[in-house]
Amino acid sequence: MTNPAPIEDVPIGGEVIRLGQFVKFAGLLDSGGDVKEAIIDGEVAVNGEVDRRRGRQLQLGDIVSFDGRRVRVCP
């Protein structure tokens, strides 16, 4: 059994951000097109559950997972 990846904190400078924006902002993917495809294909999870909505509003403390990385939305 492997340990889950450590969680990286990513400050957003506010209280909310959309999932698609955060995936790119956190450096999980470089292009908006790649972000859109990854989310639609169900490769991105929020708090352990797949979410296919790019416009989902993330809140402080939410954890986004993609490709073995986990990042937390921080102020």
PDB file of N, CA and C in Angstrom:
ATOM      1  N   MET A   1       0.834  -1.179   0.000  1.00  0.00           N
ATOM      2  CA  MET A   1       0.000   0.000   0.000  1.00  0.00           C
ATOM      3  C   MET A   1       0.881   1.246   0.000  1.00  0.00           C
ATOM      4  N   THR A   2       0.551   2.200  -0.874  1.00  0.00           N
ATOM      5  CA  THR A   2       1.360   3.402  -0.954  1.00  0.00           C
ATOM      6  C   THR A   2       0.713   4.523  -0.155  1.00  0.00           C
ATOM      7  N   ASN A   3       1.555   5.387   0.353  1.00  0.00           N
ATOM      8  CA  ASN A   3       1.051   6.548   1.084  1.00  0.00           C
ATOM      9  C   ASN A   3       0.552   7.588   0.088  1.00  0.00           C
ATOM     10  N   PRO A   4      -0.509   8.313   0.434  1.00  0.00           N
ATOM     11  CA  PRO A   4      -0.957   9.380  -0.464  1.00  0.00           C
ATOM     12  C   PRO A   4       0.084  10.483  -0.545  1.00  0.00           C
ATOM     13  N   ALA A   5       0.043  11.225  -1.630  1.00  0.00           N
ATOM     14  CA  ALA A   5       0.982  12.322  -1.821  1.00  0.00           C
ATOM     15  C   ALA A   5       0.787  13.361  -0.724  1.00  0.00           C
ATOM     16  N   PRO A   6       1.867  14.034  -0.336  1.00  0.00           N
ATOM     17  CA  PRO A   6       1.712  15.115   0.639  1.00  0.00           C
ATOM     18  C   PRO A   6       0.854  16.226   0.028  1.00  0.00           C
ATOM     19  N   ILE A   7       0.215  16.988   0.883  1.00  0.00           N
ATOM     20  CA  ILE A   7      -0.642  18.073   0.416  1.00  0.00           C
ATOM     21  C   ILE A   7       0.168  19.358   0.340  1.00  0.00           C
ATOM     22  N   GLU A   8       0.128  20.003  -0.830  1.00  0.00           N
ATOM     23  CA  GLU A   8       0.804  21.281  -1.020  1.00  0.00           C
ATOM     24  C   GLU A   8      -0.214  22.398  -0.813  1.00  0.00           C
ATOM     25  N   ASP A   9       0.120  23.403  -0.022  1.00  0.00           N
ATOM     26  CA  ASP A   9      -0.755  24.552   0.170  1.00  0.00           C
ATOM     27  C   ASP A   9      -0.522  25.569  -0.946  1.00  0.00           C
ATOM     28  N   VAL A  10      -1.618  26.040  -1.547  1.00  0.00           N
ATOM     29  CA  VAL A  10      -1.530  27.034  -2.620  1.00  0.00           C
ATOM     30  C   VAL A  10      -2.380  28.243  -2.231  1.00  0.00           C
ATOM     31  N   PRO A  11      -1.735  29.354  -1.841  1.00  0.00           N
ATOM     32  CA  PRO A  11      -2.492  30.551  -1.475  1.00  0.00           C
ATOM     33  C   PRO A  11      -3.112  31.206  -2.709  1.00  0.00           C
ATOM     34  N   ILE A  12      -4.405  31.549  -2.605  1.00  0.00           N
ATOM     35  CA  ILE A  12      -5.100  32.153  -3.743  1.00  0.00           C
ATOM     36  C   ILE A  12      -5.333  33.648  -3.567  1.00  0.00           C
ATOM     37  N   GLY A  13      -5.032  34.190  -2.392  1.00  0.00           N
ATOM     38  CA  GLY A  13      -5.183  35.621  -2.172  1.00  0.00           C
ATOM     39  C   GLY A  13      -6.628  36.071  -2.079  1.00  0.00           C
ATOM     40  N   GLY A  14      -7.516  35.159  -1.737  1.00  0.00           N
ATOM     41  CA  GLY A  14      -8.930  35.489  -1.603  1.00  0.00           C
ATOM     42  C   GLY A  14      -9.634  34.351  -0.893  1.00  0.00           C
ATOM     43  N   GLU A  15     -10.951  34.275  -1.067  1.00  0.00           N
ATOM     44  CA  GLU A  15     -11.694  33.228  -0.373  1.00  0.00           C
ATOM     45  C   GLU A  15     -12.258  32.155  -1.286  1.00  0.00           C
ATOM     46  N   VAL A  16     -12.499  32.488  -2.568  1.00  0.00           N
ATOM     47  CA  VAL A  16     -13.034  31.495  -3.491  1.00  0.00           C
ATOM     48  C   VAL A  16     -12.322  31.586  -4.838  1.00  0.00           C
ATOM     49  N   ILE A  17     -12.299  30.466  -5.546  1.00  0.00           N
ATOM     50  CA  ILE A  17     -11.721  30.389  -6.884  1.00  0.00           C
ATOM     51  C   ILE A  17     -12.423  29.230  -7.591  1.00  0.00           C
ATOM     52  N   ARG A  18     -12.543  29.314  -8.884  1.00  0.00           N
ATOM     53  CA  ARG A  18     -13.186  28.234  -9.637  1.00  0.00           C
ATOM     54  C   ARG A  18     -12.194  27.095  -9.866  1.00  0.00           C
ATOM     55  N   LEU A  19     -12.726  25.891  -9.956  1.00  0.00           N
ATOM     56  CA  LEU A  19     -11.881  24.701 -10.087  1.00  0.00           C
ATOM     57  C   LEU A  19     -10.929  24.805 -11.274  1.00  0.00           C
ATOM     58  N   GLY A  20     -11.444  25.162 -12.444  1.00  0.00           N
ATOM     59  CA  GLY A  20     -10.591  25.261 -13.632  1.00  0.00           C
ATOM     60  C   GLY A  20      -9.459  26.261 -13.449  1.00  0.00           C
ATOM     61  N   GLN A  21      -9.774  27.396 -12.848  1.00  0.00           N
ATOM     62  CA  GLN A  21      -8.751  28.415 -12.596  1.00  0.00           C
ATOM     63  C   GLN A  21      -7.701  27.893 -11.626  1.00  0.00           C
ATOM     64  N   PHE A  22      -8.157  27.200 -10.583  1.00  0.00           N
ATOM     65  CA  PHE A  22      -7.234  26.733  -9.545  1.00  0.00           C
ATOM     66  C   PHE A  22      -6.283  25.663 -10.068  1.00  0.00           C
ATOM     67  N   VAL A  23      -6.788  24.755 -10.892  1.00  0.00           N
ATOM     68  CA  VAL A  23      -5.928  23.685 -11.433  1.00  0.00           C
ATOM     69  C   VAL A  23      -4.760  24.304 -12.205  1.00  0.00           C
ATOM     70  N   LYS A  24      -5.054  25.324 -12.989  1.00  0.00           N
ATOM     71  CA  LYS A  24      -3.997  25.999 -13.750  1.00  0.00           C
ATOM     72  C   LYS A  24      -3.110  26.843 -12.822  1.00  0.00           C
ATOM     73  N   PHE A  25      -3.740  27.618 -11.922  1.00  0.00           N
ATOM     74  CA  PHE A  25      -3.010  28.491 -10.992  1.00  0.00           C
ATOM     75  C   PHE A  25      -2.037  27.689 -10.130  1.00  0.00           C
ATOM     76  N   ALA A  26      -2.463  26.502  -9.695  1.00  0.00           N
ATOM     77  CA  ALA A  26      -1.630  25.669  -8.818  1.00  0.00           C
ATOM     78  C   ALA A  26      -0.523  24.949  -9.583  1.00  0.00           C
ATOM     79  N   GLY A  27      -0.541  25.063 -10.917  1.00  0.00           N
ATOM     80  CA  GLY A  27       0.507  24.438 -11.725  1.00  0.00           C
ATOM     81  C   GLY A  27       0.297  22.958 -11.972  1.00  0.00           C
ATOM     82  N   LEU A  28      -0.923  22.464 -11.745  1.00  0.00           N
ATOM     83  CA  LEU A  28      -1.194  21.048 -12.011  1.00  0.00           C
ATOM     84  C   LEU A  28      -1.209  20.781 -13.511  1.00  0.00           C
ATOM     85  N   LEU A  29      -1.665  21.751 -14.284  1.00  0.00           N
ATOM     86  CA  LEU A  29      -1.633  21.704 -15.744  1.00  0.00           C
ATOM     87  C   LEU A  29      -1.290  23.098 -16.254  1.00  0.00           C
ATOM     88  N   ASP A  30      -0.722  23.168 -17.459  1.00  0.00           N
ATOM     89  CA  ASP A  30      -0.249  24.449 -17.978  1.00  0.00           C
ATOM     90  C   ASP A  30      -1.256  25.195 -18.845  1.00  0.00           C
ATOM     91  N   SER A  31      -2.079  24.466 -19.600  1.00  0.00           N
ATOM     92  CA  SER A  31      -2.970  25.162 -20.526  1.00  0.00           C
ATOM     93  C   SER A  31      -4.425  24.997 -20.141  1.00  0.00           C
ATOM     94  N   GLY A  32      -5.203  26.011 -20.479  1.00  0.00           N
ATOM     95  CA  GLY A  32      -6.633  25.964 -20.203  1.00  0.00           C
ATOM     96  C   GLY A  32      -7.319  24.797 -20.905  1.00  0.00           C
ATOM     97  N   GLY A  33      -6.867  24.467 -22.113  1.00  0.00           N
ATOM     98  CA  GLY A  33      -7.440  23.343 -22.849  1.00  0.00           C
ATOM     99  C   GLY A  33      -7.192  22.021 -22.129  1.00  0.00           C
ATOM    100  N   ASP A  34      -5.971  21.856 -21.617  1.00  0.00           N
ATOM    101  CA  ASP A  34      -5.644  20.631 -20.881  1.00  0.00           C
ATOM    102  C   ASP A  34      -6.462  20.543 -19.593  1.00  0.00           C
ATOM    103  N   VAL A  35      -6.655  21.682 -18.935  1.00  0.00           N
ATOM    104  CA  VAL A  35      -7.460  21.727 -17.706  1.00  0.00           C
ATOM    105  C   VAL A  35      -8.885  21.280 -18.022  1.00  0.00           C
ATOM    106  N   LYS A  36      -9.459  21.847 -19.066  1.00  0.00           N
ATOM    107  CA  LYS A  36     -10.835  21.523 -19.455  1.00  0.00           C
ATOM    108  C   LYS A  36     -10.982  20.023 -19.713  1.00  0.00           C
ATOM    109  N   GLU A  37     -10.057  19.453 -20.498  1.00  0.00           N
ATOM    110  CA  GLU A  37     -10.116  18.022 -20.811  1.00  0.00           C
ATOM    111  C   GLU A  37      -9.978  17.156 -19.568  1.00  0.00           C
ATOM    112  N   ALA A  38      -9.030  17.483 -18.700  1.00  0.00           N
ATOM    113  CA  ALA A  38      -8.793  16.678 -17.499  1.00  0.00           C
ATOM    114  C   ALA A  38     -10.024  16.672 -16.595  1.00  0.00           C
ATOM    115  N   ILE A  39     -10.658  17.834 -16.451  1.00  0.00           N
ATOM    116  CA  ILE A  39     -11.843  17.918 -15.591  1.00  0.00           C
ATOM    117  C   ILE A  39     -13.005  17.154 -16.217  1.00  0.00           C
ATOM    118  N   ILE A  40     -13.252  17.373 -17.509  1.00  0.00           N
ATOM    119  CA  ILE A  40     -14.355  16.683 -18.190  1.00  0.00           C
ATOM    120  C   ILE A  40     -14.142  15.169 -18.181  1.00  0.00           C
ATOM    121  N   ASP A  41     -12.891  14.737 -18.310  1.00  0.00           N
ATOM    122  CA  ASP A  41     -12.583  13.298 -18.338  1.00  0.00           C
ATOM    123  C   ASP A  41     -12.603  12.658 -16.953  1.00  0.00           C
ATOM    124  N   GLY A  42     -12.866  13.440 -15.906  1.00  0.00           N
ATOM    125  CA  GLY A  42     -12.959  12.895 -14.558  1.00  0.00           C
ATOM    126  C   GLY A  42     -11.622  12.596 -13.906  1.00  0.00           C
ATOM    127  N   GLU A  43     -10.576  13.298 -14.337  1.00  0.00           N
ATOM    128  CA  GLU A  43      -9.234  13.057 -13.796  1.00  0.00           C
ATOM    129  C   GLU A  43      -8.924  13.943 -12.586  1.00  0.00           C
ATOM    130  N   VAL A  44      -9.836  14.876 -12.270  1.00  0.00           N
ATOM    131  CA  VAL A  44      -9.617  15.816 -11.174  1.00  0.00           C
ATOM    132  C   VAL A  44     -10.631  15.530 -10.070  1.00  0.00           C
ATOM    133  N   ALA A  45     -10.144  15.461  -8.832  1.00  0.00           N
ATOM    134  CA  ALA A  45     -11.028  15.227  -7.691  1.00  0.00           C
ATOM    135  C   ALA A  45     -10.948  16.402  -6.721  1.00  0.00           C
ATOM    136  N   VAL A  46     -12.072  16.694  -6.092  1.00  0.00           N
ATOM    137  CA  VAL A  46     -12.126  17.720  -5.061  1.00  0.00           C
ATOM    138  C   VAL A  46     -12.563  17.034  -3.773  1.00  0.00           C
ATOM    139  N   ASN A  47     -11.726  17.124  -2.751  1.00  0.00           N
ATOM    140  CA  ASN A  47     -12.002  16.480  -1.464  1.00  0.00           C
ATOM    141  C   ASN A  47     -12.314  14.992  -1.641  1.00  0.00           C
ATOM    142  N   GLY A  48     -11.569  14.349  -2.554  1.00  0.00           N
ATOM    143  CA  GLY A  48     -11.694  12.904  -2.750  1.00  0.00           C
ATOM    144  C   GLY A  48     -12.783  12.456  -3.700  1.00  0.00           C
ATOM    145  N   GLU A  49     -13.560  13.386  -4.266  1.00  0.00           N
ATOM    146  CA  GLU A  49     -14.634  13.017  -5.180  1.00  0.00           C
ATOM    147  C   GLU A  49     -14.438  13.700  -6.531  1.00  0.00           C
ATOM    148  N   VAL A  50     -14.588  12.917  -7.607  1.00  0.00           N
ATOM    149  CA  VAL A  50     -14.457  13.469  -8.956  1.00  0.00           C
ATOM    150  C   VAL A  50     -15.513  14.550  -9.162  1.00  0.00           C
ATOM    151  N   ASP A  51     -15.081  15.665  -9.745  1.00  0.00           N
ATOM    152  CA  ASP A  51     -16.011  16.747 -10.074  1.00  0.00           C
ATOM    153  C   ASP A  51     -15.712  17.202 -11.491  1.00  0.00           C
ATOM    154  N   ARG A  52     -16.723  17.145 -12.357  1.00  0.00           N
ATOM    155  CA  ARG A  52     -16.535  17.482 -13.768  1.00  0.00           C
ATOM    156  C   ARG A  52     -16.983  18.903 -14.105  1.00  0.00           C
ATOM    157  N   ARG A  53     -17.113  19.760 -13.097  1.00  0.00           N
ATOM    158  CA  ARG A  53     -17.555  21.145 -13.326  1.00  0.00           C
ATOM    159  C   ARG A  53     -16.374  22.098 -13.193  1.00  0.00           C
ATOM    160  N   ARG A  54     -15.928  22.656 -14.309  1.00  0.00           N
ATOM    161  CA  ARG A  54     -14.812  23.613 -14.261  1.00  0.00           C
ATOM    162  C   ARG A  54     -15.165  24.827 -13.427  1.00  0.00           C
ATOM    163  N   GLY A  55     -16.446  25.202 -13.424  1.00  0.00           N
ATOM    164  CA  GLY A  55     -16.869  26.400 -12.723  1.00  0.00           C
ATOM    165  C   GLY A  55     -17.198  26.196 -11.258  1.00  0.00           C
ATOM    166  N   ARG A  56     -16.966  24.990 -10.745  1.00  0.00           N
ATOM    167  CA  ARG A  56     -17.248  24.744  -9.327  1.00  0.00           C
ATOM    168  C   ARG A  56     -16.480  25.739  -8.469  1.00  0.00           C
ATOM    169  N   GLN A  57     -17.172  26.330  -7.518  1.00  0.00           N
ATOM    170  CA  GLN A  57     -16.522  27.273  -6.602  1.00  0.00           C
ATOM    171  C   GLN A  57     -15.804  26.491  -5.505  1.00  0.00           C
ATOM    172  N   LEU A  58     -14.499  26.654  -5.435  1.00  0.00           N
ATOM    173  CA  LEU A  58     -13.733  26.036  -4.358  1.00  0.00           C
ATOM    174  C   LEU A  58     -13.714  26.977  -3.167  1.00  0.00           C
ATOM    175  N   GLN A  59     -13.669  26.410  -1.997  1.00  0.00           N
ATOM    176  CA  GLN A  59     -13.608  27.178  -0.757  1.00  0.00           C
ATOM    177  C   GLN A  59     -12.236  26.953  -0.106  1.00  0.00           C
ATOM    178  N   LEU A  60     -11.865  27.817   0.805  1.00  0.00           N
ATOM    179  CA  LEU A  60     -10.613  27.633   1.536  1.00  0.00           C
ATOM    180  C   LEU A  60     -10.636  26.277   2.227  1.00  0.00           C
ATOM    181  N   GLY A  61      -9.541  25.550   2.125  1.00  0.00           N
ATOM    182  CA  GLY A  61      -9.430  24.237   2.754  1.00  0.00           C
ATOM    183  C   GLY A  61      -9.749  23.087   1.827  1.00  0.00           C
ATOM    184  N   ASP A  62     -10.390  23.353   0.667  1.00  0.00           N
ATOM    185  CA  ASP A  62     -10.671  22.273  -0.284  1.00  0.00           C
ATOM    186  C   ASP A  62      -9.354  21.699  -0.803  1.00  0.00           C
ATOM    187  N   ILE A  63      -9.344  20.396  -1.039  1.00  0.00           N
ATOM    188  CA  ILE A  63      -8.152  19.717  -1.551  1.00  0.00           C
ATOM    189  C   ILE A  63      -8.454  19.182  -2.945  1.00  0.00           C
ATOM    190  N   VAL A  64      -7.635  19.592  -3.907  1.00  0.00           N
ATOM    191  CA  VAL A  64      -7.793  19.180  -5.298  1.00  0.00           C
ATOM    192  C   VAL A  64      -6.691  18.177  -5.624  1.00  0.00           C
ATOM    193  N   SER A  65      -7.096  17.048  -6.230  1.00  0.00           N
ATOM    194  CA  SER A  65      -6.140  15.994  -6.583  1.00  0.00           C
ATOM    195  C   SER A  65      -6.111  15.800  -8.088  1.00  0.00           C
ATOM    196  N   PHE A  66      -4.895  15.636  -8.621  1.00  0.00           N
ATOM    197  CA  PHE A  66      -4.720  15.352 -10.045  1.00  0.00           C
ATOM    198  C   PHE A  66      -3.364  14.705 -10.253  1.00  0.00           C
ATOM    199  N   ASP A  67      -3.349  13.597 -10.963  1.00  0.00           N
ATOM    200  CA  ASP A  67      -2.102  12.946 -11.391  1.00  0.00           C
ATOM    201  C   ASP A  67      -1.124  12.722 -10.233  1.00  0.00           C
ATOM    202  N   GLY A  68      -1.644  12.256  -9.104  1.00  0.00           N
ATOM    203  CA  GLY A  68      -0.788  11.933  -7.965  1.00  0.00           C
ATOM    204  C   GLY A  68      -0.419  13.112  -7.080  1.00  0.00           C
ATOM    205  N   ARG A  69      -0.845  14.306  -7.453  1.00  0.00           N
ATOM    206  CA  ARG A  69      -0.565  15.496  -6.627  1.00  0.00           C
ATOM    207  C   ARG A  69      -1.822  15.928  -5.903  1.00  0.00           C
ATOM    208  N   ARG A  70      -1.648  16.498  -4.711  1.00  0.00           N
ATOM    209  CA  ARG A  70      -2.779  17.033  -3.933  1.00  0.00           C
ATOM    210  C   ARG A  70      -2.415  18.446  -3.494  1.00  0.00           C
ATOM    211  N   VAL A  71      -3.321  19.380  -3.784  1.00  0.00           N
ATOM    212  CA  VAL A  71      -3.087  20.776  -3.422  1.00  0.00           C
ATOM    213  C   VAL A  71      -4.299  21.316  -2.672  1.00  0.00           C
ATOM    214  N   ARG A  72      -4.031  22.139  -1.650  1.00  0.00           N
ATOM    215  CA  ARG A  72      -5.092  22.680  -0.817  1.00  0.00           C
ATOM    216  C   ARG A  72      -5.244  24.177  -1.076  1.00  0.00           C
ATOM    217  N   VAL A  73      -6.503  24.623  -1.185  1.00  0.00           N
ATOM    218  CA  VAL A  73      -6.812  26.046  -1.374  1.00  0.00           C
ATOM    219  C   VAL A  73      -6.589  26.758  -0.040  1.00  0.00           C
ATOM    220  N   CYS A  74      -5.690  27.749  -0.048  1.00  0.00           N
ATOM    221  CA  CYS A  74      -5.364  28.514   1.165  1.00  0.00           C
ATOM    222  C   CYS A  74      -5.541  29.995   0.899  1.00  0.00           C
ATOM    223  N   PRO A  75      -5.749  30.783   1.970  1.00  0.00           N
ATOM    224  CA  PRO A  75      -5.926  32.231   1.792  1.00  0.00           C
ATOM    225  C   PRO A  75      -4.629  32.919   1.353  1.00  0.00           C
TER     226      PRO A  75
END
